[in-house]
């Protein structure tokens, strides 16, 4: 199963699965995860996840926290 991690403005998000079967989680600083309160549409490609998350959470942007980036 694929896992993609993102820093979405100030929030850490993990997305697992594949197109058509995405699951999203919020990541805590202690390594724990909890189910996210949003749904990723099945037609979002893996390469488009960061753009989708930026569109979804654009209202959370703030100076110094103004981007979505994929984490290693």
PDB file of N, CA and C in Angstrom:
ATOM      1  N   UNK A   1       0.851  -1.178   0.000  1.00  0.00           N
ATOM      2  CA  UNK A   1       0.000   0.000   0.000  1.00  0.00           C
ATOM      3  C   UNK A   1       0.894   1.238   0.000  1.00  0.00           C
ATOM      4  N   UNK A   2       0.573   2.179  -0.827  1.00  0.00           N
ATOM      5  CA  UNK A   2       1.335   3.428  -0.897  1.00  0.00           C
ATOM      6  C   UNK A   2       0.958   4.346   0.246  1.00  0.00           C
ATOM      7  N   UNK A   3       1.939   5.102   0.739  1.00  0.00           N
ATOM      8  CA  UNK A   3       1.653   6.166   1.710  1.00  0.00           C
ATOM      9  C   UNK A   3       2.384   7.415   1.260  1.00  0.00           C
ATOM     10  N   UNK A   4       1.658   8.508   1.237  1.00  0.00           N
ATOM     11  CA  UNK A   4       2.201   9.811   0.895  1.00  0.00           C
ATOM     12  C   UNK A   4       2.005  10.715   2.095  1.00  0.00           C
ATOM     13  N   UNK A   5       3.047  11.431   2.478  1.00  0.00           N
ATOM     14  CA  UNK A   5       2.947  12.354   3.615  1.00  0.00           C
ATOM     15  C   UNK A   5       3.119  13.780   3.115  1.00  0.00           C
ATOM     16  N   UNK A   6       2.322  14.669   3.701  1.00  0.00           N
ATOM     17  CA  UNK A   6       2.326  16.068   3.289  1.00  0.00           C
ATOM     18  C   UNK A   6       2.324  16.971   4.505  1.00  0.00           C
ATOM     19  N   UNK A   7       2.962  18.111   4.352  1.00  0.00           N
ATOM     20  CA  UNK A   7       2.774  19.204   5.306  1.00  0.00           C
ATOM     21  C   UNK A   7       1.811  20.161   4.614  1.00  0.00           C
ATOM     22  N   UNK A   8       0.598  20.203   5.125  1.00  0.00           N
ATOM     23  CA  UNK A   8      -0.472  20.996   4.527  1.00  0.00           C
ATOM     24  C   UNK A   8      -0.606  22.257   5.373  1.00  0.00           C
ATOM     25  N   UNK A   9       0.086  23.300   4.945  1.00  0.00           N
ATOM     26  CA  UNK A   9       0.183  24.546   5.693  1.00  0.00           C
ATOM     27  C   UNK A   9       0.796  24.241   7.062  1.00  0.00           C
ATOM     28  N   UNK A  10       0.061  24.087   8.118  1.00  0.00           N
ATOM     29  CA  UNK A  10       0.651  23.762   9.426  1.00  0.00           C
ATOM     30  C   UNK A  10       0.362  22.334   9.873  1.00  0.00           C
ATOM     31  N   UNK A  11      -0.372  21.609   9.115  1.00  0.00           N
ATOM     32  CA  UNK A  11      -0.898  20.306   9.525  1.00  0.00           C
ATOM     33  C   UNK A  11      -0.171  19.181   8.796  1.00  0.00           C
ATOM     34  N   UNK A  12       0.111  18.072   9.496  1.00  0.00           N
ATOM     35  CA  UNK A  12       0.713  16.900   8.871  1.00  0.00           C
ATOM     36  C   UNK A  12      -0.390  15.925   8.482  1.00  0.00           C
ATOM     37  N   UNK A  13      -0.355  15.504   7.217  1.00  0.00           N
ATOM     38  CA  UNK A  13      -1.394  14.621   6.682  1.00  0.00           C
ATOM     39  C   UNK A  13      -0.717  13.449   5.976  1.00  0.00           C
ATOM     40  N   UNK A  14      -1.239  12.254   6.199  1.00  0.00           N
ATOM     41  CA  UNK A  14      -0.813  11.066   5.455  1.00  0.00           C
ATOM     42  C   UNK A  14      -1.983  10.598   4.610  1.00  0.00           C
ATOM     43  N   UNK A  15      -1.681  10.180   3.398  1.00  0.00           N
ATOM     44  CA  UNK A  15      -2.687   9.619   2.498  1.00  0.00           C
ATOM     45  C   UNK A  15      -2.195   8.237   2.101  1.00  0.00           C
ATOM     46  N   UNK A  16      -3.033   7.241   2.309  1.00  0.00           N
ATOM     47  CA  UNK A  16      -2.674   5.880   1.950  1.00  0.00           C
ATOM     48  C   UNK A  16      -3.645   5.358   0.905  1.00  0.00           C
ATOM     49  N   UNK A  17      -3.206   4.319   0.213  1.00  0.00           N
ATOM     50  CA  UNK A  17      -4.076   3.677  -0.759  1.00  0.00           C
ATOM     51  C   UNK A  17      -3.654   3.931  -2.182  1.00  0.00           C
ATOM     52  N   UNK A  18      -4.658   4.090  -3.025  1.00  0.00           N
ATOM     53  CA  UNK A  18      -4.452   4.324  -4.452  1.00  0.00           C
ATOM     54  C   UNK A  18      -5.679   5.051  -4.984  1.00  0.00           C
ATOM     55  N   UNK A  19      -5.601   5.593  -6.204  1.00  0.00           N
ATOM     56  CA  UNK A  19      -6.778   6.268  -6.753  1.00  0.00           C
ATOM     57  C   UNK A  19      -8.000   5.354  -6.693  1.00  0.00           C
ATOM     58  N   UNK A  20      -9.088   5.909  -6.227  1.00  0.00           N
ATOM     59  CA  UNK A  20     -10.317   5.154  -6.064  1.00  0.00           C
ATOM     60  C   UNK A  20     -10.479   4.587  -4.666  1.00  0.00           C
ATOM     61  N   UNK A  21      -9.402   4.588  -3.891  1.00  0.00           N
ATOM     62  CA  UNK A  21      -9.464   4.008  -2.539  1.00  0.00           C
ATOM     63  C   UNK A  21      -8.522   4.750  -1.589  1.00  0.00           C
ATOM     64  N   UNK A  22      -8.541   6.072  -1.633  1.00  0.00           N
ATOM     65  CA  UNK A  22      -7.691   6.867  -0.744  1.00  0.00           C
ATOM     66  C   UNK A  22      -8.244   6.884   0.666  1.00  0.00           C
ATOM     67  N   UNK A  23      -7.344   6.911   1.657  1.00  0.00           N
ATOM     68  CA  UNK A  23      -7.693   7.146   3.053  1.00  0.00           C
ATOM     69  C   UNK A  23      -6.745   8.206   3.566  1.00  0.00           C
ATOM     70  N   UNK A  24      -7.271   9.175   4.307  1.00  0.00           N
ATOM     71  CA  UNK A  24      -6.449  10.274   4.818  1.00  0.00           C
ATOM     72  C   UNK A  24      -6.424  10.241   6.342  1.00  0.00           C
ATOM     73  N   UNK A  25      -5.280  10.622   6.899  1.00  0.00           N
ATOM     74  CA  UNK A  25      -5.068  10.638   8.338  1.00  0.00           C
ATOM     75  C   UNK A  25      -4.333  11.898   8.739  1.00  0.00           C
ATOM     76  N   UNK A  26      -4.637  12.407   9.925  1.00  0.00           N
ATOM     77  CA  UNK A  26      -3.838  13.473  10.524  1.00  0.00           C
ATOM     78  C   UNK A  26      -2.739  12.799  11.336  1.00  0.00           C
ATOM     79  N   UNK A  27      -1.523  13.303  11.240  1.00  0.00           N
ATOM     80  CA  UNK A  27      -0.388  12.757  11.971  1.00  0.00           C
ATOM     81  C   UNK A  27      -0.073  13.640  13.158  1.00  0.00           C
ATOM     82  N   UNK A  28       0.120  13.029  14.310  1.00  0.00           N
ATOM     83  CA  UNK A  28       0.494  13.768  15.506  1.00  0.00           C
ATOM     84  C   UNK A  28       2.007  13.809  15.658  1.00  0.00           C
ATOM     85  N   UNK A  29       2.495  14.725  16.465  1.00  0.00           N
ATOM     86  CA  UNK A  29       3.931  14.857  16.713  1.00  0.00           C
ATOM     87  C   UNK A  29       4.490  13.609  17.400  1.00  0.00           C
ATOM     88  N   UNK A  30       3.630  12.864  18.078  1.00  0.00           N
ATOM     89  CA  UNK A  30       4.063  11.670  18.789  1.00  0.00           C
ATOM     90  C   UNK A  30       4.032  10.414  17.913  1.00  0.00           C
ATOM     91  N   UNK A  31       3.752  10.575  16.613  1.00  0.00           N
ATOM     92  CA  UNK A  31       3.723   9.450  15.697  1.00  0.00           C
ATOM     93  C   UNK A  31       2.367   8.783  15.556  1.00  0.00           C
ATOM     94  N   UNK A  32       1.405   9.199  16.355  1.00  0.00           N
ATOM     95  CA  UNK A  32       0.064   8.622  16.254  1.00  0.00           C
ATOM     96  C   UNK A  32      -0.677   9.242  15.074  1.00  0.00           C
ATOM     97  N   UNK A  33      -1.660   8.525  14.595  1.00  0.00           N
ATOM     98  CA  UNK A  33      -2.486   9.024  13.493  1.00  0.00           C
ATOM     99  C   UNK A  33      -3.950   8.833  13.846  1.00  0.00           C
ATOM    100  N   UNK A  34      -4.771   9.723  13.300  1.00  0.00           N
ATOM    101  CA  UNK A  34      -6.217   9.593  13.482  1.00  0.00           C
ATOM    102  C   UNK A  34      -6.875   9.867  12.137  1.00  0.00           C
ATOM    103  N   UNK A  35      -8.013   9.254  11.908  1.00  0.00           N
ATOM    104  CA  UNK A  35      -8.690   9.473  10.623  1.00  0.00           C
ATOM    105  C   UNK A  35      -8.970  10.961  10.399  1.00  0.00           C
ATOM    106  N   UNK A  36      -8.743  11.400   9.189  1.00  0.00           N
ATOM    107  CA  UNK A  36      -9.013  12.796   8.830  1.00  0.00           C
ATOM    108  C   UNK A  36     -10.509  13.013   8.673  1.00  0.00           C
ATOM    109  N   UNK A  37     -10.919  14.259   8.809  1.00  0.00           N
ATOM    110  CA  UNK A  37     -12.338  14.605   8.693  1.00  0.00           C
ATOM    111  C   UNK A  37     -12.686  15.118   7.294  1.00  0.00           C
ATOM    112  N   UNK A  38     -11.978  14.612   6.305  1.00  0.00           N
ATOM    113  CA  UNK A  38     -12.286  14.959   4.915  1.00  0.00           C
ATOM    114  C   UNK A  38     -12.112  13.705   4.071  1.00  0.00           C
ATOM    115  N   UNK A  39     -12.701  13.734   2.892  1.00  0.00           N
ATOM    116  CA  UNK A  39     -12.651  12.599   1.975  1.00  0.00           C
ATOM    117  C   UNK A  39     -11.944  13.034   0.703  1.00  0.00           C
ATOM    118  N   UNK A  40     -11.064  12.182   0.213  1.00  0.00           N
ATOM    119  CA  UNK A  40     -10.408  12.435  -1.071  1.00  0.00           C
ATOM    120  C   UNK A  40     -11.180  11.715  -2.165  1.00  0.00           C
ATOM    121  N   UNK A  41     -11.579  12.434  -3.201  1.00  0.00           N
ATOM    122  CA  UNK A  41     -12.301  11.779  -4.298  1.00  0.00           C
ATOM    123  C   UNK A  41     -11.445  10.692  -4.941  1.00  0.00           C
ATOM    124  N   UNK A  42     -12.078   9.661  -5.390  1.00  0.00           N
ATOM    125  CA  UNK A  42     -11.361   8.549  -5.994  1.00  0.00           C
ATOM    126  C   UNK A  42     -10.652   8.879  -7.282  1.00  0.00           C
ATOM    127  N   UNK A  43     -11.066   9.948  -7.959  1.00  0.00           N
ATOM    128  CA  UNK A  43     -10.454  10.270  -9.250  1.00  0.00           C
ATOM    129  C   UNK A  43      -9.214  11.157  -9.131  1.00  0.00           C
ATOM    130  N   UNK A  44      -8.753  11.455  -7.906  1.00  0.00           N
ATOM    131  CA  UNK A  44      -7.534  12.249  -7.729  1.00  0.00           C
ATOM    132  C   UNK A  44      -6.337  11.316  -7.902  1.00  0.00           C
ATOM    133  N   UNK A  45      -5.462  11.652  -8.846  1.00  0.00           N
ATOM    134  CA  UNK A  45      -4.253  10.863  -9.085  1.00  0.00           C
ATOM    135  C   UNK A  45      -3.230  11.143  -7.991  1.00  0.00           C
ATOM    136  N   UNK A  46      -2.328  10.205  -7.764  1.00  0.00           N
ATOM    137  CA  UNK A  46      -1.300  10.367  -6.735  1.00  0.00           C
ATOM    138  C   UNK A  46      -0.488  11.643  -6.964  1.00  0.00           C
ATOM    139  N   UNK A  47      -0.169  11.951  -8.206  1.00  0.00           N
ATOM    140  CA  UNK A  47       0.619  13.152  -8.512  1.00  0.00           C
ATOM    141  C   UNK A  47      -0.148  14.443  -8.255  1.00  0.00           C
ATOM    142  N   UNK A  48      -1.466  14.364  -8.082  1.00  0.00           N
ATOM    143  CA  UNK A  48      -2.293  15.551  -7.873  1.00  0.00           C
ATOM    144  C   UNK A  48      -2.748  15.729  -6.422  1.00  0.00           C
ATOM    145  N   UNK A  49      -2.302  14.856  -5.532  1.00  0.00           N
ATOM    146  CA  UNK A  49      -2.740  14.938  -4.140  1.00  0.00           C
ATOM    147  C   UNK A  49      -2.367  16.264  -3.485  1.00  0.00           C
ATOM    148  N   UNK A  50      -1.139  16.727  -3.668  1.00  0.00           N
ATOM    149  CA  UNK A  50      -0.717  17.988  -3.040  1.00  0.00           C
ATOM    150  C   UNK A  50      -1.574  19.155  -3.524  1.00  0.00           C
ATOM    151  N   UNK A  51      -1.848  19.206  -4.822  1.00  0.00           N
ATOM    152  CA  UNK A  51      -2.691  20.282  -5.354  1.00  0.00           C
ATOM    153  C   UNK A  51      -4.103  20.209  -4.793  1.00  0.00           C
ATOM    154  N   UNK A  52      -4.641  18.998  -4.681  1.00  0.00           N
ATOM    155  CA  UNK A  52      -5.990  18.846  -4.138  1.00  0.00           C
ATOM    156  C   UNK A  52      -6.025  19.305  -2.679  1.00  0.00           C
ATOM    157  N   UNK A  53      -5.036  18.886  -1.884  1.00  0.00           N
ATOM    158  CA  UNK A  53      -4.987  19.298  -0.480  1.00  0.00           C
ATOM    159  C   UNK A  53      -4.833  20.807  -0.349  1.00  0.00           C
ATOM    160  N   UNK A  54      -4.055  21.433  -1.226  1.00  0.00           N
ATOM    161  CA  UNK A  54      -3.901  22.894  -1.200  1.00  0.00           C
ATOM    162  C   UNK A  54      -5.241  23.571  -1.485  1.00  0.00           C
ATOM    163  N   UNK A  55      -5.977  23.066  -2.454  1.00  0.00           N
ATOM    164  CA  UNK A  55      -7.294  23.637  -2.763  1.00  0.00           C
ATOM    165  C   UNK A  55      -8.266  23.440  -1.602  1.00  0.00           C
ATOM    166  N   UNK A  56      -8.214  22.271  -0.991  1.00  0.00           N
ATOM    167  CA  UNK A  56      -9.137  21.952   0.088  1.00  0.00           C
ATOM    168  C   UNK A  56      -8.890  22.791   1.341  1.00  0.00           C
ATOM    169  N   UNK A  57      -7.622  23.030   1.660  1.00  0.00           N
ATOM    170  CA  UNK A  57      -7.265  23.705   2.912  1.00  0.00           C
ATOM    171  C   UNK A  57      -6.706  25.114   2.715  1.00  0.00           C
ATOM    172  N   UNK A  58      -6.953  25.752   1.583  1.00  0.00           N
ATOM    173  CA  UNK A  58      -6.351  27.055   1.295  1.00  0.00           C
ATOM    174  C   UNK A  58      -6.673  28.107   2.360  1.00  0.00           C
ATOM    175  N   UNK A  59      -7.790  27.958   3.056  1.00  0.00           N
ATOM    176  CA  UNK A  59      -8.141  28.944   4.095  1.00  0.00           C
ATOM    177  C   UNK A  59      -7.249  28.832   5.328  1.00  0.00           C
ATOM    178  N   UNK A  60      -6.489  27.740   5.460  1.00  0.00           N
ATOM    179  CA  UNK A  60      -5.564  27.566   6.580  1.00  0.00           C
ATOM    180  C   UNK A  60      -4.202  28.210   6.325  1.00  0.00           C
ATOM    181  N   UNK A  61      -3.993  28.730   5.137  1.00  0.00           N
ATOM    182  CA  UNK A  61      -2.708  29.350   4.812  1.00  0.00           C
ATOM    183  C   UNK A  61      -2.488  30.587   5.668  1.00  0.00           C
ATOM    184  N   UNK A  62      -1.237  30.802   6.057  1.00  0.00           N
ATOM    185  CA  UNK A  62      -0.862  31.958   6.871  1.00  0.00           C
ATOM    186  C   UNK A  62       0.587  32.310   6.524  1.00  0.00           C
ATOM    187  N   UNK A  63       1.015  33.527   6.829  1.00  0.00           N
ATOM    188  CA  UNK A  63       2.416  33.869   6.575  1.00  0.00           C
ATOM    189  C   UNK A  63       3.340  32.840   7.231  1.00  0.00           C
ATOM    190  N   UNK A  64       4.281  32.365   6.469  1.00  0.00           N
ATOM    191  CA  UNK A  64       5.200  31.349   6.961  1.00  0.00           C
ATOM    192  C   UNK A  64       4.662  29.932   6.822  1.00  0.00           C
ATOM    193  N   UNK A  65       3.379  29.798   6.586  1.00  0.00           N
ATOM    194  CA  UNK A  65       2.728  28.497   6.379  1.00  0.00           C
ATOM    195  C   UNK A  65       1.831  28.627   5.160  1.00  0.00           C
ATOM    196  N   UNK A  66       2.448  28.851   4.023  1.00  0.00           N
ATOM    197  CA  UNK A  66       1.681  29.177   2.832  1.00  0.00           C
ATOM    198  C   UNK A  66       1.841  28.182   1.687  1.00  0.00           C
ATOM    199  N   UNK A  67       2.211  26.940   2.033  1.00  0.00           N
ATOM    200  CA  UNK A  67       2.394  25.952   0.967  1.00  0.00           C
ATOM    201  C   UNK A  67       2.027  24.569   1.464  1.00  0.00           C
ATOM    202  N   UNK A  68       1.834  23.707   0.481  1.00  0.00           N
ATOM    203  CA  UNK A  68       1.647  22.273   0.730  1.00  0.00           C
ATOM    204  C   UNK A  68       2.819  21.597   0.081  1.00  0.00           C
ATOM    205  N   UNK A  69       3.521  20.760   0.849  1.00  0.00           N
ATOM    206  CA  UNK A  69       4.647  20.066   0.259  1.00  0.00           C
ATOM    207  C   UNK A  69       4.643  18.596   0.667  1.00  0.00           C
ATOM    208  N   UNK A  70       5.105  17.796  -0.241  1.00  0.00           N
ATOM    209  CA  UNK A  70       5.215  16.362   0.045  1.00  0.00           C
ATOM    210  C   UNK A  70       6.463  16.132   0.875  1.00  0.00           C
ATOM    211  N   UNK A  71       6.337  15.301   1.886  1.00  0.00           N
ATOM    212  CA  UNK A  71       7.452  14.984   2.766  1.00  0.00           C
ATOM    213  C   UNK A  71       8.077  13.652   2.334  1.00  0.00           C
ATOM    214  N   UNK A  72       9.362  13.502   2.613  1.00  0.00           N
ATOM    215  CA  UNK A  72      10.022  12.229   2.234  1.00  0.00           C
ATOM    216  C   UNK A  72       9.516  11.065   3.084  1.00  0.00           C
TER     217      UNK A  72
END
